N, C-alpha and C. Protein backbone atom coordinates (compact mmCIF):
# COMPACT_ATOMS: atom_id res chain seq x y z
N THR A 1 0.80 -1.28 -0.43
CA THR A 1 -0.07 0.04 0.16
C THR A 1 0.70 1.51 -0.06
N GLY A 2 2.26 0.78 0.05
CA GLY A 2 3.20 2.20 0.16
C GLY A 2 3.61 3.10 1.70
N SER A 3 2.68 2.31 2.10
CA SER A 3 2.74 3.09 3.65
C SER A 3 3.07 1.69 4.73
N SER A 4 3.31 2.67 6.06
CA SER A 4 3.76 0.69 7.03
C SER A 4 3.51 1.65 8.23
N ASP A 5 3.37 1.15 9.35
CA ASP A 5 2.68 1.41 10.53
C ASP A 5 4.29 0.86 11.31
N PRO A 6 5.03 1.93 11.55
CA PRO A 6 6.47 2.16 12.34
C PRO A 6 6.55 2.39 13.72
N TYR A 7 7.04 1.10 14.41
CA TYR A 7 7.47 1.58 15.63
C TYR A 7 9.44 0.90 16.02
N CYS A 8 9.67 1.70 17.27
CA CYS A 8 10.71 1.03 16.89
C CYS A 8 11.10 0.38 18.57
N ILE A 9 11.96 -0.64 18.67
CA ILE A 9 12.19 -1.47 19.65
C ILE A 9 13.90 -0.75 19.96
N VAL A 10 13.74 -0.44 21.13
CA VAL A 10 15.24 -0.10 21.37
C VAL A 10 15.84 -1.29 22.55
N LYS A 11 17.29 -2.29 21.68
CA LYS A 11 17.44 -3.64 22.27
C LYS A 11 19.04 -2.90 22.91
N ILE A 12 19.41 -3.73 24.25
CA ILE A 12 20.84 -3.08 24.99
C ILE A 12 20.95 -4.86 24.49
N ASP A 13 22.15 -5.38 24.07
CA ASP A 13 22.89 -6.48 24.03
C ASP A 13 21.62 -7.67 23.84
N ASN A 14 20.73 -7.11 22.86
CA ASN A 14 20.08 -8.20 22.30
C ASN A 14 18.65 -8.01 23.07
N GLU A 15 18.99 -7.87 24.31
CA GLU A 15 17.51 -7.49 25.37
C GLU A 15 16.42 -6.14 25.08
N PRO A 16 15.11 -6.50 24.90
CA PRO A 16 13.87 -5.68 24.70
C PRO A 16 14.17 -4.78 25.91
N ILE A 17 14.44 -3.15 25.81
CA ILE A 17 14.52 -2.41 26.87
C ILE A 17 13.26 -1.58 26.94
N VAL A 18 12.74 -0.86 25.80
CA VAL A 18 11.76 0.16 25.54
C VAL A 18 10.82 -0.08 23.81
N ARG A 19 9.53 0.03 23.77
CA ARG A 19 8.74 0.40 22.72
C ARG A 19 8.28 1.56 22.29
N THR A 20 8.90 2.27 21.52
CA THR A 20 7.92 3.25 21.10
C THR A 20 6.52 3.01 20.66
N ALA A 21 6.02 4.15 20.30
CA ALA A 21 4.20 4.01 19.98
C ALA A 21 4.80 3.65 18.59
N THR A 22 3.76 3.15 18.22
CA THR A 22 2.92 2.94 16.50
C THR A 22 2.85 4.14 16.09
N VAL A 23 3.26 4.96 14.86
CA VAL A 23 2.65 5.86 13.90
C VAL A 23 2.52 4.94 12.59
N TRP A 24 0.83 5.37 12.76
CA TRP A 24 0.20 4.34 11.76
C TRP A 24 0.37 5.11 10.20
N LYS A 25 0.31 4.19 9.39
CA LYS A 25 -0.09 4.74 7.83
C LYS A 25 0.91 5.52 7.65
N THR A 26 2.56 5.37 7.36
CA THR A 26 3.33 6.52 7.19
C THR A 26 4.68 6.20 6.74
N LEU A 27 5.46 6.55 5.95
CA LEU A 27 6.89 5.83 6.01
C LEU A 27 7.79 7.11 6.35
N SER A 28 7.34 8.01 6.88
CA SER A 28 8.00 9.12 8.03
C SER A 28 7.71 9.25 9.26
N PRO A 29 7.52 8.51 10.17
CA PRO A 29 7.26 8.31 11.68
C PRO A 29 7.73 9.77 12.03
N PHE A 30 7.04 10.07 13.15
CA PHE A 30 7.85 11.11 14.06
C PHE A 30 7.72 10.86 15.47
N TRP A 31 8.41 10.48 16.17
CA TRP A 31 8.17 9.71 17.57
C TRP A 31 8.53 11.08 18.80
N GLY A 32 9.94 11.16 18.56
CA GLY A 32 10.02 12.25 19.52
C GLY A 32 10.48 11.92 21.27
N GLU A 33 10.50 10.65 21.18
CA GLU A 33 10.31 9.65 22.59
C GLU A 33 11.90 9.45 23.32
N GLU A 34 11.72 10.36 24.53
CA GLU A 34 13.14 10.20 25.22
C GLU A 34 12.97 9.05 26.11
N TYR A 35 14.17 8.08 26.79
CA TYR A 35 14.12 7.04 27.50
C TYR A 35 15.72 6.96 28.31
N GLU A 36 15.59 6.77 29.24
CA GLU A 36 16.93 6.73 30.26
C GLU A 36 16.77 5.36 30.83
N VAL A 37 17.77 4.52 30.67
CA VAL A 37 17.88 3.42 31.45
C VAL A 37 19.20 3.00 32.02
N ARG A 38 19.29 2.29 33.15
CA ARG A 38 20.56 2.21 33.94
C ARG A 38 21.30 0.88 32.77
N LEU A 39 22.27 1.10 32.75
CA LEU A 39 23.38 0.07 31.92
C LEU A 39 23.93 -0.55 32.82
N GLN A 40 24.21 -1.87 32.27
CA GLN A 40 25.60 -2.82 33.27
C GLN A 40 26.65 -2.77 32.39
N PRO A 41 28.07 -2.13 33.40
CA PRO A 41 29.21 -1.93 33.05
C PRO A 41 29.61 -2.99 32.15
N SER A 42 29.32 -3.72 31.85
CA SER A 42 29.57 -4.60 30.63
C SER A 42 29.56 -4.85 29.43
N PHE A 43 28.23 -3.98 29.19
CA PHE A 43 27.02 -3.76 27.99
C PHE A 43 27.86 -3.79 27.22
N HIS A 44 27.81 -4.12 25.65
CA HIS A 44 28.38 -4.05 24.57
C HIS A 44 27.94 -3.26 23.28
N CYS A 45 26.09 -3.40 23.50
CA CYS A 45 25.69 -2.76 22.29
C CYS A 45 24.63 -2.03 22.55
N VAL A 46 23.87 -0.93 22.14
CA VAL A 46 22.20 -0.47 21.94
C VAL A 46 22.02 -0.62 20.43
N SER A 47 21.18 -1.67 20.18
CA SER A 47 20.29 -1.52 18.93
C SER A 47 18.94 -0.58 18.77
N PHE A 48 18.71 -0.30 17.53
CA PHE A 48 17.58 0.19 17.32
C PHE A 48 16.61 -0.49 16.36
N TYR A 49 16.01 -1.21 16.42
CA TYR A 49 15.08 -1.59 15.76
C TYR A 49 14.00 -1.31 15.06
N VAL A 50 13.86 -0.75 13.66
CA VAL A 50 12.35 -0.17 12.99
C VAL A 50 11.17 -1.58 12.40
N MET A 51 10.62 -1.52 13.22
CA MET A 51 9.97 -2.61 12.78
C MET A 51 8.57 -2.35 11.79
N ASP A 52 7.75 -2.87 11.48
CA ASP A 52 6.31 -2.37 10.58
C ASP A 52 4.85 -3.42 11.56
N GLU A 53 4.03 -2.55 11.80
CA GLU A 53 3.12 -3.56 12.79
C GLU A 53 2.50 -4.25 12.05
N ASP A 54 2.27 -5.19 11.99
CA ASP A 54 1.11 -5.84 11.34
C ASP A 54 0.34 -6.67 11.54
N ALA A 55 -1.25 -6.20 12.08
CA ALA A 55 -2.46 -6.76 12.95
C ALA A 55 -2.95 -8.49 11.97
N LEU A 56 -2.26 -9.15 11.08
CA LEU A 56 -2.72 -10.11 10.76
C LEU A 56 -1.66 -11.25 10.93
N SER A 57 -0.27 -10.78 11.16
CA SER A 57 0.99 -11.47 10.88
C SER A 57 1.63 -10.88 11.88
N ARG A 58 3.12 -11.78 11.90
CA ARG A 58 3.99 -11.01 12.52
C ARG A 58 4.77 -10.00 11.92
N ASP A 59 4.91 -9.21 13.08
CA ASP A 59 5.33 -7.73 12.46
C ASP A 59 6.38 -7.91 11.99
N ASP A 60 6.99 -7.36 11.02
CA ASP A 60 8.11 -7.24 10.13
C ASP A 60 9.35 -6.04 10.53
N VAL A 61 10.17 -6.47 10.20
CA VAL A 61 11.78 -5.25 10.26
C VAL A 61 11.93 -5.46 9.40
N ILE A 62 12.07 -3.70 9.65
CA ILE A 62 12.13 -2.77 8.27
C ILE A 62 13.64 -2.80 8.28
N GLY A 63 14.55 -2.93 9.36
CA GLY A 63 15.88 -2.75 9.90
C GLY A 63 16.35 -2.27 11.45
N LYS A 64 17.56 -2.22 10.96
CA LYS A 64 18.05 -1.40 12.41
C LYS A 64 19.62 -0.79 12.42
N VAL A 65 19.92 -0.39 13.28
CA VAL A 65 20.89 0.58 13.48
C VAL A 65 21.92 -0.14 15.06
N SER A 66 22.97 -0.40 14.89
CA SER A 66 23.46 -1.00 16.22
C SER A 66 24.61 0.27 16.40
N ILE A 67 24.72 0.88 17.95
CA ILE A 67 25.91 1.55 18.04
C ILE A 67 26.63 0.77 19.25
N THR A 68 28.10 0.58 19.26
CA THR A 68 28.73 -0.22 20.14
C THR A 68 29.46 0.59 21.18
N ARG A 69 29.45 0.17 21.80
CA ARG A 69 30.05 0.68 23.22
C ARG A 69 31.02 1.40 23.32
N ASP A 70 32.33 1.04 22.25
CA ASP A 70 33.35 1.58 21.56
C ASP A 70 32.67 2.80 20.97
N THR A 71 31.98 3.08 19.76
CA THR A 71 31.50 4.31 19.12
C THR A 71 31.19 4.98 20.24
N LEU A 72 29.85 5.12 21.79
CA LEU A 72 29.89 5.33 22.08
C LEU A 72 30.88 6.53 23.11
N ALA A 73 31.70 5.73 23.16
CA ALA A 73 33.10 6.27 24.07
C ALA A 73 33.64 7.62 23.32
N GLU A 74 33.33 7.00 21.95
CA GLU A 74 34.14 8.14 21.13
C GLU A 74 33.43 9.49 21.07
N HIS A 75 32.37 9.66 21.61
CA HIS A 75 31.23 10.53 21.87
C HIS A 75 30.88 10.62 23.19
N PRO A 76 31.96 11.35 24.04
CA PRO A 76 31.43 11.51 25.37
C PRO A 76 30.51 12.64 25.46
N LYS A 77 30.39 13.60 24.82
CA LYS A 77 28.81 14.36 25.04
C LYS A 77 27.78 13.91 24.05
N GLY A 78 27.95 12.40 23.50
CA GLY A 78 26.93 12.16 23.16
C GLY A 78 26.80 12.12 21.13
N PHE A 79 25.74 11.12 20.93
CA PHE A 79 25.90 10.85 19.13
C PHE A 79 24.38 11.62 19.09
N SER A 80 24.13 12.64 17.62
CA SER A 80 23.02 12.82 17.28
C SER A 80 22.96 13.02 15.87
N GLY A 81 22.24 12.38 15.60
CA GLY A 81 22.30 12.39 13.92
C GLY A 81 21.79 11.35 13.26
N TRP A 82 21.14 11.26 11.75
CA TRP A 82 20.86 10.02 11.13
C TRP A 82 21.79 9.37 10.53
N LEU A 83 21.00 7.98 10.99
CA LEU A 83 22.45 6.96 10.96
C LEU A 83 21.09 5.68 9.71
N SER A 84 21.92 5.42 8.85
CA SER A 84 21.14 4.41 7.46
C SER A 84 20.74 3.05 8.20
N LEU A 85 19.70 2.55 8.43
CA LEU A 85 19.35 0.89 8.48
C LEU A 85 20.15 0.08 8.14
N SER A 86 20.02 -0.89 8.75
CA SER A 86 20.72 -1.92 7.84
C SER A 86 19.85 -3.39 8.05
N GLU A 87 20.08 -4.32 7.19
CA GLU A 87 19.39 -4.83 7.07
C GLU A 87 19.24 -6.43 7.99
N VAL A 88 18.05 -7.09 8.29
CA VAL A 88 18.41 -8.05 9.68
C VAL A 88 18.42 -9.23 8.62
N ASP A 89 17.52 -9.17 7.81
CA ASP A 89 17.88 -10.45 6.96
C ASP A 89 18.37 -10.56 5.44
N PRO A 90 19.51 -10.81 5.65
CA PRO A 90 20.29 -10.87 4.22
C PRO A 90 19.21 -10.82 3.05
N ASP A 91 18.50 -11.45 2.96
CA ASP A 91 17.84 -11.62 1.43
C ASP A 91 16.63 -10.11 1.48
N GLU A 92 16.96 -9.51 2.49
CA GLU A 92 16.09 -8.23 2.62
C GLU A 92 16.51 -6.91 1.81
N GLU A 93 16.61 -6.08 1.16
CA GLU A 93 17.24 -5.28 1.01
C GLU A 93 16.16 -3.73 1.72
N VAL A 94 17.23 -3.00 2.30
CA VAL A 94 17.06 -1.70 3.13
C VAL A 94 17.32 -0.70 2.56
N GLN A 95 16.24 0.42 2.70
CA GLN A 95 16.37 1.80 2.53
C GLN A 95 15.69 2.42 3.81
N GLY A 96 16.13 3.28 4.28
CA GLY A 96 15.94 4.05 5.48
C GLY A 96 16.59 4.47 6.26
N GLU A 97 16.18 6.00 6.93
CA GLU A 97 17.65 6.03 8.13
C GLU A 97 16.59 6.15 9.54
N ILE A 98 17.06 6.72 10.67
CA ILE A 98 16.58 6.91 11.93
C ILE A 98 17.37 8.25 12.48
N HIS A 99 16.95 9.04 13.34
CA HIS A 99 17.41 9.92 13.69
C HIS A 99 17.32 9.83 15.42
N LEU A 100 18.56 9.83 15.74
CA LEU A 100 18.61 9.29 17.13
C LEU A 100 19.80 10.52 17.79
N ARG A 101 19.50 10.51 19.61
CA ARG A 101 20.59 11.08 19.98
C ARG A 101 20.66 10.08 20.66
N VAL A 102 21.72 9.59 21.46
CA VAL A 102 22.08 8.79 22.02
C VAL A 102 23.46 9.53 23.38
N GLU A 103 23.41 9.09 24.36
CA GLU A 103 24.31 9.92 25.34
C GLU A 103 24.37 8.40 26.41
N VAL A 104 25.93 7.95 26.94
CA VAL A 104 25.88 7.54 27.96
C VAL A 104 26.56 8.63 29.47
N LEU A 105 25.50 8.09 30.53
CA LEU A 105 25.66 9.81 31.72
C LEU A 105 26.34 8.56 32.34
N PRO A 106 27.01 9.41 33.31
CA PRO A 106 27.24 8.77 34.75
C PRO A 106 26.68 8.10 35.74
N GLY A 107 26.61 7.38 36.18
CA GLY A 107 25.61 7.42 37.44
C GLY A 107 26.51 6.63 38.80
N GLU A 108 25.66 7.06 39.84
CA GLU A 108 26.60 6.27 40.91
C GLU A 108 26.65 4.77 41.00
N ALA A 109 25.58 4.12 40.73
CA ALA A 109 25.64 3.05 40.85
C ALA A 109 25.77 2.14 39.79
N ALA A 110 25.47 2.75 38.41
CA ALA A 110 25.59 2.09 36.86
C ALA A 110 25.48 3.66 36.28
N PRO A 111 26.07 3.74 34.32
CA PRO A 111 25.81 4.33 34.12
C PRO A 111 24.50 3.84 32.98
N ARG A 112 24.29 5.63 32.68
CA ARG A 112 22.49 5.55 32.45
C ARG A 112 23.31 5.88 30.67
N LEU A 113 21.86 5.15 29.85
CA LEU A 113 21.64 5.38 28.75
C LEU A 113 20.83 6.46 28.62
N CYS A 114 21.14 7.63 28.18
CA CYS A 114 19.31 8.58 27.32
C CYS A 114 19.73 8.35 25.86
N CYS A 115 18.38 8.07 25.66
CA CYS A 115 18.25 8.02 23.43
C CYS A 115 17.03 8.60 23.58
N THR A 116 17.11 9.40 22.56
CA THR A 116 15.90 10.16 21.98
C THR A 116 15.83 9.25 20.65
N VAL A 117 14.32 8.70 20.65
CA VAL A 117 14.02 8.25 19.25
C VAL A 117 13.08 9.09 18.33
N LEU A 118 13.88 10.18 17.49
CA LEU A 118 13.03 11.25 17.24
C LEU A 118 12.07 10.93 16.07
N GLU A 119 13.00 10.54 14.55
CA GLU A 119 11.95 10.32 13.58
C GLU A 119 13.00 9.60 12.74
N ALA A 120 12.49 8.86 11.79
CA ALA A 120 12.58 8.09 10.53
C ALA A 120 12.01 8.67 9.35
N ARG A 121 12.95 7.56 8.23
CA ARG A 121 12.85 8.22 6.96
C ARG A 121 12.63 6.89 5.79
């Protein structure tokens, strides 16, 4: 139909942490949702999966972006910008980008991840 019902899942080391709202019937969703979660000091990667909600079957993965601990360490003031989605299934072609703000904040007990899932296209 030329449109999707996108939402985003944030995973830390492949563990789902948060899910945005679904934005119905669009290829350019705006979420503007901010999350702050505690990180295990040994975490390796934060991933953002853009999904297409499907009422009749399993939701489809549109694409994903993964940001490693090392990449976050290279941006001590945080990262903000558009990132290209990559495929999850090697047989699927992926087009699109997601706009994110991601920052690791120091914490007393454990570091915290502050991430804002802004929009996609």
